[in-house]
Each structure stands twice: as structure tokens, then as C-alpha cells.
Amino acid sequence: MASEFNHVNGLQLIARAHQLVNEGFKWHFRDKSVVTVWSAPNYCYRCGNVASIMNLGEDLNPKFTIFSAVPDDQRAVPGATGRRADYFL
């Protein structure tokens, strides 16, 4: 189904997000017509997943960079200022 959709619409790949993938990215079909990329390591500080970034070069072949969350003891927490950022106003 995805291959047909891609062909009809002149696409080679559907890249999607907003669905947790423990391995950072996941191909959904043998022909690699759909991929999910997840870029939030250790989602909600409890899932233990890795994350990835998909890079496309001039050859349009996706290459993935996998990364883990910063360990808890090395994570910097921004200080609370007591005021809301302007984008919430």
C-alpha cells in the first residue's frame, strides 16, 4: 500500500514521527518505503529508548545518527524564574 502511494505521488520515502520507537528509528516495510524517526531519548525520563536523527545527503540515502539520553547526574535543569516565557502569553 505505501509503495503504491509513493509511486502515485512521485515519492521515494515517507518519513514520519510522533510515535515512540525504542531503537530510534524503524523501517515499516521490506522495501523501506516508510520510516518512523524518534528523536527524544529516554522519553518522559522513563522509557529507556534511544533516539535518532535522519540525515539525507545529495544521494538521498538516509543515514541515521543514534544517541542516548544524558545520564541523570549530568543533566542540567534550567533554573526557575517564576515568570512565563513570552510564547505562553
N, C-alpha and C. Protein backbone atom coordinates (compact mmCIF):
# COMPACT_ATOMS: atom_id res chain seq x y z
N MET A 1 0.82 -1.18 0.00
CA MET A 1 0.00 0.00 0.00
C MET A 1 0.87 1.26 0.00
N ALA A 2 1.87 1.32 0.86
CA ALA A 2 2.73 2.51 0.93
C ALA A 2 3.53 2.69 -0.35
N SER A 3 4.02 1.59 -0.92
CA SER A 3 4.78 1.68 -2.17
C SER A 3 3.92 2.24 -3.29
N GLU A 4 2.68 1.80 -3.36
CA GLU A 4 1.77 2.31 -4.38
C GLU A 4 1.50 3.80 -4.16
N PHE A 5 1.27 4.20 -2.91
CA PHE A 5 1.05 5.61 -2.59
C PHE A 5 2.26 6.44 -3.01
N ASN A 6 3.45 5.97 -2.67
CA ASN A 6 4.67 6.69 -3.04
C ASN A 6 4.79 6.81 -4.55
N HIS A 7 4.53 5.73 -5.27
CA HIS A 7 4.63 5.74 -6.74
C HIS A 7 3.65 6.74 -7.35
N VAL A 8 2.40 6.68 -6.94
CA VAL A 8 1.36 7.56 -7.49
C VAL A 8 1.68 9.03 -7.22
N ASN A 9 2.31 9.30 -6.09
CA ASN A 9 2.59 10.68 -5.68
C ASN A 9 4.02 11.13 -5.95
N GLY A 10 4.79 10.31 -6.66
CA GLY A 10 6.15 10.69 -7.02
C GLY A 10 7.10 10.77 -5.83
N LEU A 11 6.86 9.95 -4.83
CA LEU A 11 7.70 9.94 -3.63
C LEU A 11 8.57 8.69 -3.59
N GLN A 12 9.68 8.80 -2.88
CA GLN A 12 10.54 7.64 -2.66
C GLN A 12 10.42 7.13 -1.23
N LEU A 13 10.03 8.02 -0.31
CA LEU A 13 10.05 7.68 1.11
C LEU A 13 9.04 8.53 1.86
N ILE A 14 8.37 7.91 2.82
CA ILE A 14 7.56 8.64 3.79
C ILE A 14 8.32 8.57 5.10
N ALA A 15 8.70 9.72 5.64
CA ALA A 15 9.37 9.79 6.94
C ALA A 15 8.38 10.39 7.92
N ARG A 16 8.18 9.70 9.02
CA ARG A 16 7.19 10.13 9.99
C ARG A 16 7.78 10.16 11.40
N ALA A 17 7.05 10.77 12.31
CA ALA A 17 7.50 10.88 13.71
C ALA A 17 6.27 10.81 14.62
N HIS A 18 6.44 11.22 15.85
CA HIS A 18 5.36 11.27 16.85
C HIS A 18 4.84 9.89 17.21
N GLN A 19 5.68 8.87 17.10
CA GLN A 19 5.36 7.54 17.61
C GLN A 19 6.65 6.97 18.16
N LEU A 20 6.63 6.61 19.43
CA LEU A 20 7.84 6.11 20.09
C LEU A 20 8.39 4.88 19.38
N VAL A 21 9.69 4.92 19.11
CA VAL A 21 10.42 3.79 18.55
C VAL A 21 11.63 3.57 19.46
N ASN A 22 11.66 2.45 20.17
CA ASN A 22 12.72 2.21 21.14
C ASN A 22 14.11 2.21 20.53
N GLU A 23 14.22 1.83 19.26
CA GLU A 23 15.51 1.75 18.58
C GLU A 23 15.91 3.07 17.93
N GLY A 24 15.11 4.13 18.07
CA GLY A 24 15.41 5.43 17.48
C GLY A 24 14.80 5.63 16.11
N PHE A 25 14.78 4.60 15.30
CA PHE A 25 14.09 4.65 14.01
C PHE A 25 13.64 3.24 13.64
N LYS A 26 12.66 3.16 12.76
CA LYS A 26 12.15 1.84 12.36
C LYS A 26 11.61 1.90 10.94
N TRP A 27 12.09 0.97 10.11
CA TRP A 27 11.53 0.79 8.76
C TRP A 27 10.29 -0.07 8.90
N HIS A 28 9.23 0.28 8.17
CA HIS A 28 7.96 -0.43 8.33
C HIS A 28 7.68 -1.48 7.26
N PHE A 29 8.39 -1.46 6.15
CA PHE A 29 8.17 -2.44 5.10
C PHE A 29 9.51 -2.89 4.54
N ARG A 30 9.55 -4.04 3.93
CA ARG A 30 10.80 -4.57 3.37
C ARG A 30 11.41 -3.64 2.34
N ASP A 31 10.56 -2.94 1.59
CA ASP A 31 11.07 -2.04 0.54
C ASP A 31 11.52 -0.69 1.10
N LYS A 32 11.44 -0.52 2.41
CA LYS A 32 11.88 0.70 3.10
C LYS A 32 11.18 1.94 2.53
N SER A 33 9.87 1.83 2.35
CA SER A 33 9.10 2.95 1.81
C SER A 33 8.58 3.88 2.90
N VAL A 34 8.58 3.42 4.16
CA VAL A 34 8.11 4.23 5.29
C VAL A 34 9.07 4.03 6.46
N VAL A 35 9.45 5.13 7.09
CA VAL A 35 10.31 5.06 8.27
C VAL A 35 9.75 5.98 9.35
N THR A 36 9.83 5.53 10.59
CA THR A 36 9.50 6.38 11.74
C THR A 36 10.80 6.75 12.42
N VAL A 37 10.96 8.03 12.69
CA VAL A 37 12.15 8.56 13.35
C VAL A 37 11.71 9.14 14.69
N TRP A 38 12.39 8.75 15.76
CA TRP A 38 12.06 9.24 17.10
C TRP A 38 13.29 9.94 17.67
N SER A 39 13.14 11.20 18.07
CA SER A 39 14.31 11.98 18.45
C SER A 39 14.32 12.42 19.92
N ALA A 40 13.57 11.73 20.77
CA ALA A 40 13.57 12.06 22.20
C ALA A 40 14.09 10.85 22.99
N PRO A 41 15.38 10.89 23.39
CA PRO A 41 15.92 9.75 24.14
C PRO A 41 15.31 9.67 25.54
N ASN A 42 15.15 8.45 26.03
CA ASN A 42 14.57 8.19 27.35
C ASN A 42 13.31 9.03 27.55
N TYR A 43 12.37 8.85 26.65
CA TYR A 43 11.14 9.63 26.62
C TYR A 43 10.46 9.65 27.99
N CYS A 44 10.05 10.83 28.41
CA CYS A 44 9.40 11.06 29.71
C CYS A 44 10.28 10.60 30.88
N TYR A 45 11.58 10.52 30.66
CA TYR A 45 12.56 10.10 31.68
C TYR A 45 12.29 8.70 32.22
N ARG A 46 11.60 7.86 31.42
CA ARG A 46 11.30 6.53 31.93
C ARG A 46 11.24 5.42 30.90
N CYS A 47 11.27 5.74 29.61
CA CYS A 47 11.10 4.70 28.58
C CYS A 47 12.39 3.96 28.24
N GLY A 48 13.54 4.56 28.52
CA GLY A 48 14.82 3.90 28.26
C GLY A 48 15.17 3.73 26.80
N ASN A 49 14.48 4.43 25.92
CA ASN A 49 14.73 4.33 24.48
C ASN A 49 15.90 5.18 24.04
N VAL A 50 16.49 4.83 22.91
CA VAL A 50 17.47 5.71 22.26
C VAL A 50 16.70 6.58 21.27
N ALA A 51 17.39 7.53 20.68
CA ALA A 51 16.79 8.44 19.72
C ALA A 51 17.65 8.49 18.47
N SER A 52 17.13 9.11 17.42
CA SER A 52 17.92 9.22 16.20
C SER A 52 17.59 10.49 15.44
N ILE A 53 18.51 10.82 14.56
CA ILE A 53 18.33 11.90 13.59
C ILE A 53 18.57 11.28 12.23
N MET A 54 17.68 11.55 11.29
CA MET A 54 17.84 11.04 9.93
C MET A 54 18.49 12.13 9.08
N ASN A 55 19.59 11.78 8.45
CA ASN A 55 20.30 12.71 7.57
C ASN A 55 20.14 12.25 6.13
N LEU A 56 19.82 13.20 5.25
CA LEU A 56 19.73 12.91 3.82
C LEU A 56 20.78 13.71 3.09
N GLY A 57 21.67 13.02 2.40
CA GLY A 57 22.68 13.70 1.60
C GLY A 57 22.17 13.91 0.19
N GLU A 58 23.05 14.34 -0.68
CA GLU A 58 22.67 14.56 -2.07
C GLU A 58 22.21 13.28 -2.75
N ASP A 59 22.69 12.13 -2.28
CA ASP A 59 22.28 10.85 -2.87
C ASP A 59 20.89 10.40 -2.39
N LEU A 60 20.33 11.13 -1.43
CA LEU A 60 19.01 10.85 -0.85
C LEU A 60 18.91 9.51 -0.14
N ASN A 61 20.05 8.93 0.22
CA ASN A 61 20.05 7.71 1.02
C ASN A 61 20.08 8.09 2.49
N PRO A 62 19.05 7.73 3.26
CA PRO A 62 19.01 8.11 4.66
C PRO A 62 20.12 7.44 5.47
N LYS A 63 20.73 8.24 6.33
CA LYS A 63 21.71 7.74 7.29
C LYS A 63 21.25 8.22 8.66
N PHE A 64 21.32 7.33 9.64
CA PHE A 64 20.78 7.64 10.95
C PHE A 64 21.90 7.79 11.97
N THR A 65 21.80 8.82 12.78
CA THR A 65 22.68 9.02 13.93
C THR A 65 21.87 8.65 15.16
N ILE A 66 22.36 7.69 15.92
CA ILE A 66 21.67 7.21 17.12
C ILE A 66 22.32 7.86 18.34
N PHE A 67 21.50 8.29 19.30
CA PHE A 67 22.06 8.85 20.53
C PHE A 67 21.19 8.50 21.72
N SER A 68 21.81 8.51 22.89
CA SER A 68 21.14 8.20 24.15
C SER A 68 20.93 9.47 24.95
N ALA A 69 20.16 9.35 26.00
CA ALA A 69 19.92 10.48 26.89
C ALA A 69 21.17 10.77 27.71
N VAL A 70 21.29 11.99 28.14
CA VAL A 70 22.36 12.37 29.06
C VAL A 70 22.05 11.71 30.41
N PRO A 71 23.04 11.11 31.06
CA PRO A 71 22.79 10.50 32.37
C PRO A 71 22.20 11.52 33.36
N ASP A 72 21.34 11.04 34.25
CA ASP A 72 20.65 11.93 35.20
C ASP A 72 21.61 12.83 35.96
N ASP A 73 22.75 12.28 36.38
CA ASP A 73 23.68 13.08 37.19
C ASP A 73 24.44 14.12 36.37
N GLN A 74 24.31 14.11 35.06
CA GLN A 74 24.97 15.10 34.21
C GLN A 74 23.99 16.07 33.55
N ARG A 75 22.70 15.85 33.75
CA ARG A 75 21.68 16.67 33.10
C ARG A 75 21.51 17.99 33.86
N ALA A 76 21.57 19.09 33.13
CA ALA A 76 21.37 20.41 33.73
C ALA A 76 19.89 20.74 33.68
N VAL A 77 19.37 21.22 34.79
CA VAL A 77 17.97 21.63 34.86
C VAL A 77 17.94 23.15 34.87
N PRO A 78 17.23 23.76 33.93
CA PRO A 78 17.17 25.23 33.91
C PRO A 78 16.56 25.76 35.20
N GLY A 79 17.07 26.88 35.66
CA GLY A 79 16.55 27.50 36.87
C GLY A 79 15.16 28.06 36.66
N ALA A 80 14.36 28.02 37.69
CA ALA A 80 13.01 28.57 37.62
C ALA A 80 13.08 30.07 37.88
N THR A 81 12.48 30.85 37.00
CA THR A 81 12.49 32.30 37.16
C THR A 81 11.19 32.81 37.74
N GLY A 82 10.17 31.95 37.76
CA GLY A 82 8.89 32.38 38.29
C GLY A 82 8.04 33.13 37.27
N ARG A 83 8.58 33.37 36.08
CA ARG A 83 7.77 34.04 35.07
C ARG A 83 7.63 33.14 33.86
N ARG A 84 6.55 33.34 33.16
CA ARG A 84 6.29 32.55 31.96
C ARG A 84 7.04 33.12 30.78
N ALA A 85 7.47 32.22 29.92
CA ALA A 85 8.09 32.67 28.67
C ALA A 85 7.03 33.36 27.81
N ASP A 86 7.46 34.31 26.99
CA ASP A 86 6.54 35.10 26.18
C ASP A 86 5.66 34.25 25.27
N TYR A 87 6.14 33.11 24.84
CA TYR A 87 5.34 32.31 23.92
C TYR A 87 4.12 31.69 24.57
N PHE A 88 4.00 31.74 25.90
CA PHE A 88 2.80 31.26 26.57
C PHE A 88 1.77 32.36 26.78
N LEU A 89 2.13 33.59 26.43
CA LEU A 89 1.21 34.71 26.64
C LEU A 89 0.32 34.93 25.46
